[in-house]
């Protein structure tokens, strides 16, 4: 229970942003990244995108390419030269 007397969950389920797999509570290889938005001057605006990567992806060595794909889908990364 919280201070207001409401029953709340102590654990919030997370899903891998790359595979949509559930991340178990005991998985210590998973990471969660908050990528901040910046304005034209490079100052943080207070907004961010959250990405969670499961240990399964990190163990296979695919986290870099998965994160690049997710950032490209959000429009935060371009592949132009």
C-alpha atoms as a PDB file:
ATOM      1  CA  UNK A   1       0.000   0.000   0.000  1.00  0.00           C
ATOM      2  CA  UNK A   2       1.076   3.537  -0.631  1.00  0.00           C
ATOM      3  CA  UNK A   3       0.533   6.599   1.587  1.00  0.00           C
ATOM      4  CA  UNK A   4      -2.986   7.061   0.235  1.00  0.00           C
ATOM      5  CA  UNK A   5      -3.977   3.524   1.187  1.00  0.00           C
ATOM      6  CA  UNK A   6      -4.181   2.279  -2.394  1.00  0.00           C
ATOM      7  CA  UNK A   7      -2.699  -1.092  -3.294  1.00  0.00           C
ATOM      8  CA  UNK A   8       0.040  -0.688  -5.905  1.00  0.00           C
ATOM      9  CA  UNK A   9       2.336  -3.142  -7.663  1.00  0.00           C
ATOM     10  CA  UNK A  10       5.972  -3.147  -6.655  1.00  0.00           C
ATOM     11  CA  UNK A  11       7.128  -4.459 -10.014  1.00  0.00           C
ATOM     12  CA  UNK A  12       6.201  -3.022 -13.404  1.00  0.00           C
ATOM     13  CA  UNK A  13       6.627  -5.370 -16.346  1.00  0.00           C
ATOM     14  CA  UNK A  14       8.990  -4.251 -19.091  1.00  0.00           C
ATOM     15  CA  UNK A  15       9.118  -5.372 -22.689  1.00  0.00           C
ATOM     16  CA  UNK A  16      12.161  -5.432 -24.903  1.00  0.00           C
ATOM     17  CA  UNK A  17      11.846  -2.604 -27.416  1.00  0.00           C
ATOM     18  CA  UNK A  18      13.565  -4.663 -30.115  1.00  0.00           C
ATOM     19  CA  UNK A  19      11.785  -8.024 -29.780  1.00  0.00           C
ATOM     20  CA  UNK A  20       8.655  -7.254 -27.704  1.00  0.00           C
ATOM     21  CA  UNK A  21       9.610 -10.074 -25.334  1.00  0.00           C
ATOM     22  CA  UNK A  22       8.770  -9.648 -21.670  1.00  0.00           C
ATOM     23  CA  UNK A  23      11.807  -8.932 -19.519  1.00  0.00           C
ATOM     24  CA  UNK A  24      11.652 -11.052 -16.347  1.00  0.00           C
ATOM     25  CA  UNK A  25      12.305  -9.489 -12.954  1.00  0.00           C
ATOM     26  CA  UNK A  26      15.406 -11.617 -12.355  1.00  0.00           C
ATOM     27  CA  UNK A  27      17.108 -10.847 -15.661  1.00  0.00           C
ATOM     28  CA  UNK A  28      20.210  -8.862 -14.773  1.00  0.00           C
ATOM     29  CA  UNK A  29      21.478  -8.507 -18.340  1.00  0.00           C
ATOM     30  CA  UNK A  30      18.682  -6.183 -19.459  1.00  0.00           C
ATOM     31  CA  UNK A  31      19.198  -2.427 -19.737  1.00  0.00           C
ATOM     32  CA  UNK A  32      16.851   0.521 -20.016  1.00  0.00           C
ATOM     33  CA  UNK A  33      18.023   3.652 -21.826  1.00  0.00           C
ATOM     34  CA  UNK A  34      16.483   7.113 -21.731  1.00  0.00           C
ATOM     35  CA  UNK A  35      17.447   9.111 -24.833  1.00  0.00           C
ATOM     36  CA  UNK A  36      16.901  12.839 -24.270  1.00  0.00           C
ATOM     37  CA  UNK A  37      15.515  15.296 -26.805  1.00  0.00           C
ATOM     38  CA  UNK A  38      17.582  18.414 -27.501  1.00  0.00           C
ATOM     39  CA  UNK A  39      16.712  21.681 -29.245  1.00  0.00           C
ATOM     40  CA  UNK A  40      18.645  23.440 -32.037  1.00  0.00           C
ATOM     41  CA  UNK A  41      21.214  24.811 -29.548  1.00  0.00           C
ATOM     42  CA  UNK A  42      21.846  21.336 -28.115  1.00  0.00           C
ATOM     43  CA  UNK A  43      20.040  21.979 -24.821  1.00  0.00           C
ATOM     44  CA  UNK A  44      17.979  19.246 -23.173  1.00  0.00           C
ATOM     45  CA  UNK A  45      14.235  19.948 -23.506  1.00  0.00           C
ATOM     46  CA  UNK A  46      13.040  17.693 -20.667  1.00  0.00           C
ATOM     47  CA  UNK A  47      11.547  15.113 -23.042  1.00  0.00           C
ATOM     48  CA  UNK A  48      12.998  11.666 -23.633  1.00  0.00           C
ATOM     49  CA  UNK A  49      12.384   8.318 -25.304  1.00  0.00           C
ATOM     50  CA  UNK A  50      12.767   5.139 -23.260  1.00  0.00           C
ATOM     51  CA  UNK A  51      14.145   1.949 -24.780  1.00  0.00           C
ATOM     52  CA  UNK A  52      14.558  -1.379 -22.986  1.00  0.00           C
ATOM     53  CA  UNK A  53      16.855  -4.077 -24.357  1.00  0.00           C
ATOM     54  CA  UNK A  54      16.690  -7.635 -23.075  1.00  0.00           C
ATOM     55  CA  UNK A  55      19.800  -9.525 -22.050  1.00  0.00           C
ATOM     56  CA  UNK A  56      19.026 -12.000 -24.844  1.00  0.00           C
ATOM     57  CA  UNK A  57      19.695  -9.309 -27.459  1.00  0.00           C
ATOM     58  CA  UNK A  58      22.779  -8.016 -25.654  1.00  0.00           C
ATOM     59  CA  UNK A  59      24.234 -11.533 -25.280  1.00  0.00           C
ATOM     60  CA  UNK A  60      23.921 -12.159 -29.012  1.00  0.00           C
ATOM     61  CA  UNK A  61      25.739  -8.887 -29.751  1.00  0.00           C
ATOM     62  CA  UNK A  62      22.816  -7.343 -31.606  1.00  0.00           C
ATOM     63  CA  UNK A  63      21.988  -4.505 -29.231  1.00  0.00           C
ATOM     64  CA  UNK A  64      23.873  -1.902 -31.297  1.00  0.00           C
ATOM     65  CA  UNK A  65      22.028  -2.670 -34.525  1.00  0.00           C
ATOM     66  CA  UNK A  66      18.679  -2.965 -32.716  1.00  0.00           C
ATOM     67  CA  UNK A  67      19.191   0.392 -31.026  1.00  0.00           C
ATOM     68  CA  UNK A  68      20.147   1.978 -34.368  1.00  0.00           C
ATOM     69  CA  UNK A  69      16.945   0.598 -35.906  1.00  0.00           C
ATOM     70  CA  UNK A  70      14.793   1.873 -33.024  1.00  0.00           C
ATOM     71  CA  UNK A  71      16.374   5.320 -33.134  1.00  0.00           C
ATOM     72  CA  UNK A  72      15.892   5.479 -36.919  1.00  0.00           C
ATOM     73  CA  UNK A  73      12.200   4.566 -36.523  1.00  0.00           C
ATOM     74  CA  UNK A  74      11.751   7.439 -34.033  1.00  0.00           C
ATOM     75  CA  UNK A  75      13.524   9.861 -36.375  1.00  0.00           C
ATOM     76  CA  UNK A  76      16.447  10.412 -34.004  1.00  0.00           C
ATOM     77  CA  UNK A  77      19.114   8.875 -36.244  1.00  0.00           C
ATOM     78  CA  UNK A  78      19.734   9.228 -39.963  1.00  0.00           C
ATOM     79  CA  UNK A  79      21.944   7.078 -42.145  1.00  0.00           C
ATOM     80  CA  UNK A  80      22.680   9.732 -44.782  1.00  0.00           C
ATOM     81  CA  UNK A  81      26.283  10.767 -45.402  1.00  0.00           C
END
